[in-house]
């Protein structure tokens, strides 16, 4: 079970990484795949953005979420 949850967290990390890369390149925000990506990443990123707003145009929320996901993955895998 722990390995399965670890894989799910890894997939979410990949989605988050794609979201970060999309912020650097021009893209169509109305594309269904992009909308899906926003839909699954915004619920995690937005609360972090409220706690730590972008500083001089740099959004640190993905970094914080990556660290949190890494900690969560280690805990989940070690528990099971």
N, C-alpha and C. Protein backbone atom coordinates (compact mmCIF):
# COMPACT_ATOMS: atom_id res chain seq x y z
N UNK A 1 0.82 -1.21 0.00
CA UNK A 1 0.00 0.00 0.00
C UNK A 1 0.86 1.26 0.00
N UNK A 2 1.94 1.23 0.80
CA UNK A 2 2.81 2.40 0.88
C UNK A 2 3.50 2.70 -0.44
N UNK A 3 3.90 1.65 -1.13
CA UNK A 3 4.56 1.83 -2.43
C UNK A 3 3.58 2.44 -3.43
N UNK A 4 2.33 1.97 -3.39
CA UNK A 4 1.30 2.51 -4.28
C UNK A 4 1.09 4.00 -4.01
N UNK A 5 0.95 4.37 -2.75
CA UNK A 5 0.77 5.79 -2.41
C UNK A 5 2.00 6.60 -2.78
N UNK A 6 3.18 6.01 -2.63
CA UNK A 6 4.40 6.68 -3.05
C UNK A 6 4.40 6.95 -4.54
N UNK A 7 3.90 6.00 -5.33
CA UNK A 7 3.81 6.19 -6.79
C UNK A 7 2.81 7.29 -7.14
N UNK A 8 1.69 7.34 -6.41
CA UNK A 8 0.69 8.39 -6.65
C UNK A 8 1.30 9.77 -6.37
N UNK A 9 2.05 9.86 -5.28
CA UNK A 9 2.71 11.13 -4.95
C UNK A 9 3.72 11.49 -6.03
N UNK A 10 4.45 10.49 -6.54
CA UNK A 10 5.41 10.74 -7.62
C UNK A 10 4.72 11.24 -8.88
N UNK A 11 3.58 10.68 -9.21
CA UNK A 11 2.81 11.16 -10.37
C UNK A 11 2.37 12.60 -10.17
N UNK A 12 1.96 12.93 -8.94
CA UNK A 12 1.55 14.30 -8.65
C UNK A 12 2.75 15.25 -8.78
N UNK A 13 3.92 14.79 -8.37
CA UNK A 13 5.13 15.61 -8.51
C UNK A 13 5.42 15.87 -9.99
N UNK A 14 5.20 14.89 -10.83
CA UNK A 14 5.40 15.07 -12.28
C UNK A 14 4.40 16.10 -12.82
N UNK A 15 3.15 16.00 -12.38
CA UNK A 15 2.14 16.98 -12.81
C UNK A 15 2.54 18.38 -12.37
N UNK A 16 3.05 18.49 -11.17
CA UNK A 16 3.49 19.79 -10.65
C UNK A 16 4.68 20.31 -11.46
N UNK A 17 5.59 19.44 -11.82
CA UNK A 17 6.73 19.84 -12.63
C UNK A 17 6.29 20.33 -14.01
N UNK A 18 5.34 19.64 -14.61
CA UNK A 18 4.80 20.07 -15.90
C UNK A 18 4.15 21.44 -15.76
N UNK A 19 3.44 21.64 -14.67
CA UNK A 19 2.80 22.94 -14.41
C UNK A 19 3.85 24.05 -14.32
N UNK A 20 4.96 23.76 -13.67
CA UNK A 20 6.03 24.75 -13.54
C UNK A 20 6.60 25.08 -14.92
N UNK A 21 6.88 24.06 -15.72
CA UNK A 21 7.44 24.29 -17.06
C UNK A 21 6.46 25.08 -17.92
N UNK A 22 5.17 24.78 -17.79
CA UNK A 22 4.17 25.53 -18.57
C UNK A 22 4.17 27.02 -18.22
N UNK A 23 4.53 27.35 -16.98
CA UNK A 23 4.53 28.76 -16.60
C UNK A 23 5.67 29.52 -17.29
N UNK A 24 6.65 28.80 -17.83
CA UNK A 24 7.78 29.44 -18.50
C UNK A 24 7.59 29.57 -19.99
N UNK A 25 6.67 28.83 -20.57
CA UNK A 25 6.50 28.84 -22.02
C UNK A 25 5.08 29.30 -22.38
N UNK A 26 4.92 29.90 -23.55
CA UNK A 26 3.56 30.27 -23.98
C UNK A 26 2.73 29.00 -24.19
N UNK A 27 1.50 29.04 -23.70
CA UNK A 27 0.60 27.89 -23.87
C UNK A 27 -0.83 28.39 -23.90
N UNK A 28 -1.71 27.52 -24.35
CA UNK A 28 -3.13 27.83 -24.42
C UNK A 28 -3.78 27.43 -23.10
N UNK A 29 -4.17 28.39 -22.26
CA UNK A 29 -4.76 28.04 -20.96
C UNK A 29 -6.14 27.39 -21.09
N UNK A 30 -6.71 27.41 -22.29
CA UNK A 30 -8.04 26.82 -22.48
C UNK A 30 -7.95 25.37 -23.00
N UNK A 31 -6.74 24.89 -23.23
CA UNK A 31 -6.54 23.51 -23.63
C UNK A 31 -7.04 22.59 -22.51
N UNK A 32 -7.72 21.51 -22.86
CA UNK A 32 -8.30 20.62 -21.85
C UNK A 32 -7.25 19.99 -20.94
N UNK A 33 -6.11 19.62 -21.51
CA UNK A 33 -5.04 19.02 -20.70
C UNK A 33 -4.48 20.04 -19.70
N UNK A 34 -4.33 21.28 -20.15
CA UNK A 34 -3.83 22.34 -19.27
C UNK A 34 -4.86 22.63 -18.18
N UNK A 35 -6.12 22.68 -18.55
CA UNK A 35 -7.18 22.90 -17.56
C UNK A 35 -7.18 21.80 -16.51
N UNK A 36 -7.01 20.55 -16.94
CA UNK A 36 -6.95 19.43 -16.00
C UNK A 36 -5.76 19.58 -15.06
N UNK A 37 -4.63 19.97 -15.61
CA UNK A 37 -3.42 20.17 -14.81
C UNK A 37 -3.64 21.25 -13.75
N UNK A 38 -4.27 22.36 -14.15
CA UNK A 38 -4.58 23.43 -13.20
C UNK A 38 -5.55 22.92 -12.13
N UNK A 39 -6.52 22.13 -12.56
CA UNK A 39 -7.54 21.64 -11.64
C UNK A 39 -6.95 20.74 -10.55
N UNK A 40 -5.94 19.95 -10.89
CA UNK A 40 -5.37 19.05 -9.89
C UNK A 40 -4.24 19.69 -9.08
N UNK A 41 -3.62 20.75 -9.59
CA UNK A 41 -2.51 21.37 -8.85
C UNK A 41 -2.92 22.61 -8.06
N UNK A 42 -3.91 23.34 -8.53
CA UNK A 42 -4.33 24.56 -7.83
C UNK A 42 -4.79 24.32 -6.39
N UNK A 43 -5.53 23.25 -6.09
CA UNK A 43 -5.96 23.06 -4.70
C UNK A 43 -4.80 22.91 -3.70
N UNK A 44 -3.64 22.50 -4.18
CA UNK A 44 -2.48 22.38 -3.30
C UNK A 44 -1.65 23.66 -3.33
N UNK A 45 -1.50 24.26 -4.50
CA UNK A 45 -0.66 25.45 -4.63
C UNK A 45 -1.30 26.71 -4.02
N UNK A 46 -2.59 26.87 -4.19
CA UNK A 46 -3.24 28.11 -3.74
C UNK A 46 -3.14 28.36 -2.23
N UNK A 47 -3.36 27.37 -1.36
CA UNK A 47 -3.19 27.65 0.08
C UNK A 47 -1.75 28.04 0.44
N UNK A 48 -0.78 27.45 -0.25
CA UNK A 48 0.61 27.81 0.01
C UNK A 48 0.88 29.23 -0.47
N UNK A 49 0.28 29.61 -1.59
CA UNK A 49 0.44 30.98 -2.10
C UNK A 49 -0.16 32.00 -1.15
N UNK A 50 -1.22 31.62 -0.44
CA UNK A 50 -1.81 32.54 0.54
C UNK A 50 -0.88 32.74 1.72
N UNK A 51 -0.18 31.67 2.12
CA UNK A 51 0.77 31.78 3.23
C UNK A 51 2.04 32.51 2.83
N UNK A 52 2.55 32.20 1.64
CA UNK A 52 3.77 32.81 1.15
C UNK A 52 3.51 33.34 -0.25
N UNK A 53 3.13 34.61 -0.36
CA UNK A 53 2.83 35.17 -1.68
C UNK A 53 4.10 35.28 -2.53
N UNK A 54 3.94 35.38 -3.85
CA UNK A 54 5.12 35.54 -4.72
C UNK A 54 5.96 36.73 -4.29
N UNK A 55 7.27 36.55 -4.34
CA UNK A 55 8.21 37.59 -3.94
C UNK A 55 8.93 38.10 -5.18
N UNK A 56 8.72 39.38 -5.50
CA UNK A 56 9.32 40.00 -6.68
C UNK A 56 9.04 39.20 -7.95
N UNK A 57 7.82 38.70 -8.07
CA UNK A 57 7.39 37.98 -9.25
C UNK A 57 7.78 36.50 -9.28
N UNK A 58 8.43 36.02 -8.23
CA UNK A 58 8.83 34.62 -8.18
C UNK A 58 7.92 33.88 -7.22
N UNK A 59 7.28 32.83 -7.72
CA UNK A 59 6.35 32.03 -6.93
C UNK A 59 7.11 30.85 -6.32
N UNK A 60 7.26 30.87 -5.01
CA UNK A 60 7.98 29.80 -4.31
C UNK A 60 7.06 28.67 -3.86
N UNK A 61 5.77 28.77 -4.12
CA UNK A 61 4.84 27.75 -3.65
C UNK A 61 5.15 26.35 -4.22
N UNK A 62 5.54 26.21 -5.50
CA UNK A 62 5.87 24.86 -5.98
C UNK A 62 7.05 24.24 -5.23
N UNK A 63 8.04 25.04 -4.87
CA UNK A 63 9.19 24.52 -4.14
C UNK A 63 8.75 23.99 -2.78
N UNK A 64 7.91 24.74 -2.11
CA UNK A 64 7.42 24.34 -0.79
C UNK A 64 6.56 23.08 -0.90
N UNK A 65 5.73 23.02 -1.93
CA UNK A 65 4.89 21.84 -2.14
C UNK A 65 5.77 20.63 -2.46
N UNK A 66 6.82 20.80 -3.26
CA UNK A 66 7.73 19.69 -3.56
C UNK A 66 8.39 19.16 -2.28
N UNK A 67 8.83 20.06 -1.43
CA UNK A 67 9.44 19.64 -0.17
C UNK A 67 8.42 18.88 0.68
N UNK A 68 7.22 19.42 0.78
CA UNK A 68 6.17 18.77 1.55
C UNK A 68 5.81 17.40 0.99
N UNK A 69 5.74 17.29 -0.32
CA UNK A 69 5.43 15.99 -0.94
C UNK A 69 6.55 14.99 -0.70
N UNK A 70 7.79 15.45 -0.73
CA UNK A 70 8.91 14.56 -0.46
C UNK A 70 8.86 14.01 0.95
N UNK A 71 8.56 14.88 1.91
CA UNK A 71 8.42 14.45 3.30
C UNK A 71 7.25 13.48 3.44
N UNK A 72 6.14 13.82 2.83
CA UNK A 72 4.96 12.96 2.89
C UNK A 72 5.24 11.59 2.29
N UNK A 73 5.94 11.58 1.16
CA UNK A 73 6.26 10.30 0.50
C UNK A 73 7.13 9.42 1.40
N UNK A 74 8.13 10.04 2.04
CA UNK A 74 8.99 9.26 2.94
C UNK A 74 8.20 8.69 4.11
N UNK A 75 7.29 9.48 4.66
CA UNK A 75 6.49 9.03 5.79
C UNK A 75 5.57 7.89 5.36
N UNK A 76 4.89 8.06 4.24
CA UNK A 76 3.94 7.05 3.76
C UNK A 76 4.64 5.72 3.46
N UNK A 77 5.78 5.80 2.77
CA UNK A 77 6.49 4.59 2.39
C UNK A 77 7.05 3.90 3.63
N UNK A 78 7.53 4.66 4.60
CA UNK A 78 8.10 4.04 5.80
C UNK A 78 7.02 3.44 6.71
N UNK A 79 5.81 3.99 6.70
CA UNK A 79 4.73 3.45 7.52
C UNK A 79 4.22 2.12 7.04
N UNK A 80 4.26 1.93 5.73
CA UNK A 80 3.74 0.69 5.17
C UNK A 80 4.90 -0.15 4.78
